[in-house]
């Protein structure tokens, strides 16, 4: 739902850009965690492109587990598997 709202904002403001940050849980090697963050961010970018947003307006960034809770329980780990969508407006 938030991505759809972001898409509407980007459509109504053609000079805006977006940044999609991909995150993952704390388990795994650094390369594994970065790849999961990248896949999550890429999935959101692909969805926005499917909604008609030009891919050149969307940047992705994998943050891997940089903000993950070490040794987190399964509930917390599940919440850390996410992509965060930010709309960047021109000033």
C-alpha atoms as a PDB file:
ATOM      1  CA  UNK A   1       0.000   0.000   0.000  1.00  0.00           C
ATOM      2  CA  UNK A   2       2.769   2.456   0.836  1.00  0.00           C
ATOM      3  CA  UNK A   3       4.470   1.769  -2.475  1.00  0.00           C
ATOM      4  CA  UNK A   4       1.227   2.480  -4.340  1.00  0.00           C
ATOM      5  CA  UNK A   5       0.909   5.799  -2.472  1.00  0.00           C
ATOM      6  CA  UNK A   6       4.522   6.594  -3.335  1.00  0.00           C
ATOM      7  CA  UNK A   7       3.790   5.758  -6.950  1.00  0.00           C
ATOM      8  CA  UNK A   8       0.868   8.194  -6.957  1.00  0.00           C
ATOM      9  CA  UNK A   9       3.073  10.917  -5.491  1.00  0.00           C
ATOM     10  CA  UNK A  10       5.800  10.260  -8.047  1.00  0.00           C
ATOM     11  CA  UNK A  11       3.254  10.334 -10.860  1.00  0.00           C
ATOM     12  CA  UNK A  12       1.825  13.656  -9.687  1.00  0.00           C
ATOM     13  CA  UNK A  13       5.309  15.143  -9.228  1.00  0.00           C
ATOM     14  CA  UNK A  14       7.368  14.146 -12.266  1.00  0.00           C
ATOM     15  CA  UNK A  15      10.567  15.771 -10.971  1.00  0.00           C
ATOM     16  CA  UNK A  16      10.604  13.630  -7.831  1.00  0.00           C
ATOM     17  CA  UNK A  17      12.936  10.656  -7.447  1.00  0.00           C
ATOM     18  CA  UNK A  18      12.867   7.733  -5.057  1.00  0.00           C
ATOM     19  CA  UNK A  19      15.306   5.674  -3.061  1.00  0.00           C
ATOM     20  CA  UNK A  20      14.469   2.104  -2.110  1.00  0.00           C
ATOM     21  CA  UNK A  21      16.546   0.679   0.738  1.00  0.00           C
ATOM     22  CA  UNK A  22      16.667  -3.100   1.162  1.00  0.00           C
ATOM     23  CA  UNK A  23      17.235  -4.687   4.586  1.00  0.00           C
ATOM     24  CA  UNK A  24      17.555  -8.208   5.967  1.00  0.00           C
ATOM     25  CA  UNK A  25      17.950 -10.059   9.252  1.00  0.00           C
ATOM     26  CA  UNK A  26      21.237 -10.579  11.100  1.00  0.00           C
ATOM     27  CA  UNK A  27      21.976 -14.219  10.085  1.00  0.00           C
ATOM     28  CA  UNK A  28      24.349 -15.100   7.246  1.00  0.00           C
ATOM     29  CA  UNK A  29      27.529 -13.858   5.657  1.00  0.00           C
ATOM     30  CA  UNK A  30      27.898 -10.169   4.736  1.00  0.00           C
ATOM     31  CA  UNK A  31      27.663 -10.986   1.010  1.00  0.00           C
ATOM     32  CA  UNK A  32      24.517 -13.071   1.558  1.00  0.00           C
ATOM     33  CA  UNK A  33      22.868 -10.290   3.557  1.00  0.00           C
ATOM     34  CA  UNK A  34      23.768  -7.623   0.985  1.00  0.00           C
ATOM     35  CA  UNK A  35      22.327  -9.778  -1.799  1.00  0.00           C
ATOM     36  CA  UNK A  36      19.026 -10.165   0.089  1.00  0.00           C
ATOM     37  CA  UNK A  37      18.815  -6.426   0.683  1.00  0.00           C
ATOM     38  CA  UNK A  38      19.487  -5.851  -3.005  1.00  0.00           C
ATOM     39  CA  UNK A  39      16.787  -8.341  -4.048  1.00  0.00           C
ATOM     40  CA  UNK A  40      14.207  -6.697  -1.799  1.00  0.00           C
ATOM     41  CA  UNK A  41      15.000  -3.206  -3.074  1.00  0.00           C
ATOM     42  CA  UNK A  42      15.034  -4.420  -6.689  1.00  0.00           C
ATOM     43  CA  UNK A  43      11.606  -6.025  -6.257  1.00  0.00           C
ATOM     44  CA  UNK A  44      10.112  -2.720  -5.118  1.00  0.00           C
ATOM     45  CA  UNK A  45      11.807  -0.876  -8.009  1.00  0.00           C
ATOM     46  CA  UNK A  46      10.427  -3.426 -10.485  1.00  0.00           C
ATOM     47  CA  UNK A  47       6.940  -2.999  -9.028  1.00  0.00           C
ATOM     48  CA  UNK A  48       7.149   0.792  -9.413  1.00  0.00           C
ATOM     49  CA  UNK A  49       8.311   0.391 -13.012  1.00  0.00           C
ATOM     50  CA  UNK A  50       5.318  -1.907 -13.619  1.00  0.00           C
ATOM     51  CA  UNK A  51       3.116   0.913 -12.295  1.00  0.00           C
ATOM     52  CA  UNK A  52       4.558   3.249 -14.937  1.00  0.00           C
ATOM     53  CA  UNK A  53       7.369   5.045 -13.094  1.00  0.00           C
ATOM     54  CA  UNK A  54      10.529   5.559 -15.169  1.00  0.00           C
ATOM     55  CA  UNK A  55      13.319   3.378 -13.790  1.00  0.00           C
ATOM     56  CA  UNK A  56      15.816   6.245 -14.089  1.00  0.00           C
ATOM     57  CA  UNK A  57      13.931   7.997 -11.266  1.00  0.00           C
ATOM     58  CA  UNK A  58      14.426   5.104  -8.845  1.00  0.00           C
ATOM     59  CA  UNK A  59      17.655   4.320  -7.024  1.00  0.00           C
ATOM     60  CA  UNK A  60      18.194   1.223  -4.897  1.00  0.00           C
ATOM     61  CA  UNK A  61      20.516   0.654  -1.966  1.00  0.00           C
ATOM     62  CA  UNK A  62      21.145  -2.550  -0.069  1.00  0.00           C
ATOM     63  CA  UNK A  63      21.802  -1.925   3.593  1.00  0.00           C
ATOM     64  CA  UNK A  64      21.869  -5.627   4.374  1.00  0.00           C
ATOM     65  CA  UNK A  65      21.827  -6.101   8.134  1.00  0.00           C
ATOM     66  CA  UNK A  66      23.397  -2.747   9.077  1.00  0.00           C
ATOM     67  CA  UNK A  67      20.422  -1.917  11.298  1.00  0.00           C
ATOM     68  CA  UNK A  68      19.456  -5.463  12.270  1.00  0.00           C
ATOM     69  CA  UNK A  69      19.225  -6.609  15.879  1.00  0.00           C
ATOM     70  CA  UNK A  70      21.951  -9.183  16.628  1.00  0.00           C
ATOM     71  CA  UNK A  71      20.572 -12.528  17.823  1.00  0.00           C
ATOM     72  CA  UNK A  72      17.013 -11.272  17.326  1.00  0.00           C
ATOM     73  CA  UNK A  73      14.052 -13.583  17.901  1.00  0.00           C
ATOM     74  CA  UNK A  74      12.014 -14.774  14.929  1.00  0.00           C
ATOM     75  CA  UNK A  75       9.407 -12.007  15.251  1.00  0.00           C
ATOM     76  CA  UNK A  76      11.990  -9.235  15.250  1.00  0.00           C
ATOM     77  CA  UNK A  77      13.980 -10.893  12.450  1.00  0.00           C
ATOM     78  CA  UNK A  78      10.829 -11.064  10.367  1.00  0.00           C
ATOM     79  CA  UNK A  79      10.237  -7.336  10.759  1.00  0.00           C
ATOM     80  CA  UNK A  80      13.794  -6.595   9.677  1.00  0.00           C
ATOM     81  CA  UNK A  81      13.271  -8.274   6.299  1.00  0.00           C
ATOM     82  CA  UNK A  82      11.956  -5.202   4.526  1.00  0.00           C
ATOM     83  CA  UNK A  83      12.391  -2.548   1.899  1.00  0.00           C
ATOM     84  CA  UNK A  84      11.972   1.091   2.818  1.00  0.00           C
ATOM     85  CA  UNK A  85      10.672   3.444   0.144  1.00  0.00           C
ATOM     86  CA  UNK A  86      11.627   7.117   0.251  1.00  0.00           C
ATOM     87  CA  UNK A  87      10.374   9.803  -2.149  1.00  0.00           C
ATOM     88  CA  UNK A  88      12.973  12.489  -2.762  1.00  0.00           C
ATOM     89  CA  UNK A  89      11.584  15.792  -3.991  1.00  0.00           C
ATOM     90  CA  UNK A  90      13.532  18.442  -5.837  1.00  0.00           C
ATOM     91  CA  UNK A  91      14.035  21.556  -3.725  1.00  0.00           C
END
